Amino acid sequence: MQNDVIIAGFGGQGVMLIGKMLAYAGMNQGKEVSWLPSYGPEMRGGTSNCTVVISDKPVASPVIQSPRALLAMNLPSLDKFEPRVKPGGLILINSSLIKRDAVRTDVRVLKVPANDVANELDNPKGANMVALGAYVGATRAVDVAEMEALIRKTFAAKPKLIDRNIEAFHRGYAIGEAGVK
């Protein structure tokens, strides 16, 4: 079984962080993984995306031309990567910032109000955790317990953020899980 996803947004939205966390979760579960970052020239505020592959078999290439999933945190990312998703694939749209639907009708679409949920939780920087949770809930690419452990480890230097980010992850997970029924 292979899960591959392009996670894309503006620099500063935590796209690289959640991609790296997803890759580590897969690795910690004994899977073969790759994480391939790509930055725009401006860094914060510019475009950024990463490709994550989690597989039971060796990953032949970290470059995925047609991913099974796209997690688009902003409109330019949806515009750029929507055409590349495999037919039958999954597109997760951050509906807090993206006000259009997916154009494609041959893919599953899940709207995730990541920023709105993060703001409701008084954790505005946690939109990426909501989005990560939605992806995991929709795909079951990695175990929830592994993601919780990684959130604890990742934010160990900022203990006040641990429970807030776990809560944001779980809220996203519920959205993802409900969206695939």
Protein backbone atom coordinates (compact mmCIF):
# COMPACT_ATOMS: atom_id res chain seq x y z
CA MET A 1 0.00 0.00 0.00
CA GLN A 2 1.30 3.45 -0.88
CA ASN A 3 0.06 6.86 0.22
CA ASP A 4 1.47 9.90 -1.52
CA VAL A 5 0.45 13.50 -1.10
CA ILE A 6 1.50 16.96 -2.15
CA ILE A 7 1.05 19.40 0.72
CA ALA A 8 1.15 22.98 -0.52
CA GLY A 9 0.59 26.52 0.70
CA PHE A 10 2.29 29.80 1.54
CA GLY A 11 5.59 29.83 3.37
CA GLY A 12 4.82 30.23 7.06
CA GLN A 13 1.69 28.04 7.04
CA GLY A 14 3.60 25.06 8.43
CA VAL A 15 3.39 23.01 5.24
CA MET A 16 6.94 21.66 5.55
CA LEU A 17 6.46 20.86 9.23
CA ILE A 18 3.37 18.70 8.72
CA GLY A 19 4.95 17.00 5.71
CA LYS A 20 8.00 16.13 7.74
CA MET A 21 5.85 14.94 10.65
CA LEU A 22 3.85 12.72 8.31
CA ALA A 23 7.06 11.22 6.92
CA TYR A 24 8.46 10.61 10.41
CA ALA A 25 5.21 8.97 11.50
CA GLY A 26 5.42 6.57 8.57
CA MET A 27 9.07 5.86 9.26
CA ASN A 28 8.38 5.26 12.95
CA GLN A 29 5.78 2.69 11.90
CA GLY A 30 8.37 0.79 9.85
CA LYS A 31 7.23 2.10 6.46
CA GLU A 32 9.40 3.27 3.60
CA VAL A 33 9.11 7.05 3.25
CA SER A 34 10.33 10.06 1.34
CA TRP A 35 9.86 13.76 1.98
CA LEU A 36 10.76 16.16 -0.80
CA PRO A 37 10.49 19.89 -0.02
CA SER A 38 10.18 22.67 -2.59
CA TYR A 39 10.37 26.34 -1.68
CA GLY A 40 9.45 29.47 -3.61
CA PRO A 41 12.09 32.22 -3.78
CA GLU A 42 10.61 34.38 -1.02
CA MET A 43 10.33 31.76 1.79
CA ARG A 44 7.82 33.19 4.31
CA GLY A 45 4.85 34.37 2.27
CA GLY A 46 6.14 32.70 -0.90
CA THR A 47 4.98 29.36 -2.16
CA SER A 48 6.09 26.13 -0.59
CA ASN A 49 5.14 22.52 -1.02
CA CYS A 50 6.40 19.10 -0.21
CA THR A 51 5.74 15.63 -1.47
CA VAL A 52 5.42 12.82 1.05
CA VAL A 53 5.38 9.16 0.14
CA ILE A 54 4.62 6.44 2.69
CA SER A 55 4.79 2.88 1.40
CA ASP A 56 5.10 -0.77 2.38
CA LYS A 57 7.68 -1.16 -0.40
CA PRO A 58 10.84 0.81 -1.23
CA VAL A 59 10.06 4.24 -2.68
CA ALA A 60 11.42 4.30 -6.23
CA SER A 61 11.45 8.09 -6.51
CA PRO A 62 10.53 10.98 -4.21
CA VAL A 63 9.14 12.81 -7.24
CA ILE A 64 5.44 12.10 -7.73
CA GLN A 65 3.95 13.56 -10.88
CA SER A 66 0.40 12.40 -10.15
CA PRO A 67 -0.20 12.12 -6.41
CA ARG A 68 -3.08 10.23 -4.88
CA ALA A 69 -3.82 13.25 -2.70
CA LEU A 70 -3.39 17.00 -2.51
CA LEU A 71 -3.66 19.08 0.64
CA ALA A 72 -4.06 22.67 -0.60
CA MET A 73 -3.72 25.33 2.09
CA ASN A 74 -4.22 28.27 -0.30
CA LEU A 75 -5.72 29.07 -3.70
CA PRO A 76 -2.46 29.26 -5.71
CA SER A 77 -1.65 25.75 -4.49
CA LEU A 78 -5.03 24.40 -5.53
CA ASP A 79 -4.70 26.09 -8.92
CA LYS A 80 -1.22 24.65 -9.48
CA PHE A 81 -1.62 21.08 -8.22
CA GLU A 82 -5.29 20.17 -8.77
CA PRO A 83 -4.69 19.03 -12.37
CA ARG A 84 -1.97 16.61 -11.24
CA VAL A 85 -4.02 14.52 -8.78
CA LYS A 86 -4.76 10.99 -10.01
CA PRO A 87 -8.33 10.31 -11.08
CA GLY A 88 -10.13 8.86 -8.08
CA GLY A 89 -7.69 10.67 -5.79
CA LEU A 90 -8.42 13.04 -2.92
CA ILE A 91 -8.17 16.82 -2.76
CA LEU A 92 -8.34 18.45 0.67
CA ILE A 93 -9.14 22.15 0.38
CA ASN A 94 -8.54 24.65 3.18
CA SER A 95 -11.99 26.18 2.80
CA SER A 96 -11.13 28.96 5.26
CA LEU A 97 -8.87 30.54 2.63
CA ILE A 98 -10.02 28.95 -0.64
CA LYS A 99 -13.42 30.16 -1.75
CA ARG A 100 -13.80 28.01 -4.85
CA ASP A 101 -14.63 24.37 -5.32
CA ALA A 102 -12.36 21.95 -7.10
CA VAL A 103 -12.88 22.01 -10.85
CA ARG A 104 -12.29 18.29 -11.24
CA THR A 105 -15.19 15.88 -10.95
CA ASP A 106 -13.12 12.68 -11.11
CA VAL A 107 -11.65 13.09 -7.61
CA ARG A 108 -13.01 13.11 -4.07
CA VAL A 109 -13.00 16.57 -2.50
CA LEU A 110 -12.94 17.31 1.20
CA LYS A 111 -13.36 20.88 2.40
CA VAL A 112 -11.47 21.49 5.63
CA PRO A 113 -12.01 24.87 7.35
CA ALA A 114 -8.53 24.61 8.86
CA ASN A 115 -8.03 28.25 9.84
CA ASP A 116 -11.58 28.59 11.18
CA VAL A 117 -11.20 25.50 13.39
CA ALA A 118 -7.78 26.65 14.61
CA ASN A 119 -9.23 30.05 15.49
CA GLU A 120 -12.15 28.42 17.34
CA LEU A 121 -9.55 26.56 19.41
CA ASP A 122 -7.69 29.82 20.10
CA ASN A 123 -4.73 28.35 18.24
CA PRO A 124 -4.47 30.39 15.00
CA LYS A 125 -1.12 28.85 14.07
CA GLY A 126 -2.66 25.37 14.40
CA ALA A 127 -4.40 25.37 11.01
CA ASN A 128 -1.69 23.06 9.71
CA MET A 129 -2.43 20.58 12.50
CA VAL A 130 -6.13 20.64 11.60
CA ALA A 131 -5.22 19.99 7.96
CA LEU A 132 -2.82 17.19 8.92
CA GLY A 133 -5.51 15.58 11.03
CA ALA A 134 -8.00 15.78 8.16
CA TYR A 135 -5.55 14.07 5.81
CA VAL A 136 -4.83 11.29 8.31
CA GLY A 137 -8.54 10.88 9.08
CA ALA A 138 -9.42 10.62 5.40
CA THR A 139 -6.58 8.29 4.38
CA ARG A 140 -5.45 6.40 7.50
CA ALA A 141 -1.92 6.84 6.10
CA VAL A 142 -0.46 6.66 9.63
CA ASP A 143 -1.69 5.78 13.12
CA VAL A 144 -3.26 8.46 15.30
CA ALA A 145 -1.17 7.41 18.31
CA GLU A 146 2.01 7.88 16.28
CA MET A 147 0.92 11.39 15.25
CA GLU A 148 0.13 12.29 18.86
CA ALA A 149 3.60 11.09 19.92
CA LEU A 150 5.19 13.15 17.16
CA ILE A 151 3.24 16.26 18.12
CA ARG A 152 4.48 15.82 21.70
CA LYS A 153 8.07 15.41 20.51
CA THR A 154 7.92 18.21 17.94
CA PHE A 155 6.56 20.74 20.41
CA ALA A 156 8.46 19.53 23.49
CA ALA A 157 10.27 22.88 23.74
CA LYS A 158 6.90 24.67 23.76
CA PRO A 159 4.83 22.57 26.19
CA LYS A 160 1.86 24.96 26.12
CA LEU A 161 1.34 24.10 22.45
CA ILE A 162 1.28 20.32 22.81
CA ASP A 163 -2.31 19.82 23.98
CA ARG A 164 -3.57 22.63 21.75
CA ASN A 165 -2.00 21.05 18.67
CA ILE A 166 -3.21 17.56 19.58
CA GLU A 167 -6.72 18.98 19.92
CA ALA A 168 -6.38 20.71 16.53
CA PHE A 169 -5.16 17.44 15.00
CA HIS A 170 -8.14 15.53 16.45
CA ARG A 171 -10.63 18.11 15.21
CA GLY A 172 -9.15 17.79 11.73
CA TYR A 173 -9.13 14.00 12.01
CA ALA A 174 -12.87 14.03 12.74
CA ILE A 175 -13.46 16.17 9.64
CA GLY A 176 -11.39 13.81 7.50
CA GLU A 177 -13.02 10.70 8.90
CA ALA A 178 -16.53 12.09 8.36
CA GLY A 179 -15.66 13.18 4.83
CA VAL A 180 -14.85 9.70 3.57
CA LYS A 181 -18.13 8.00 4.50
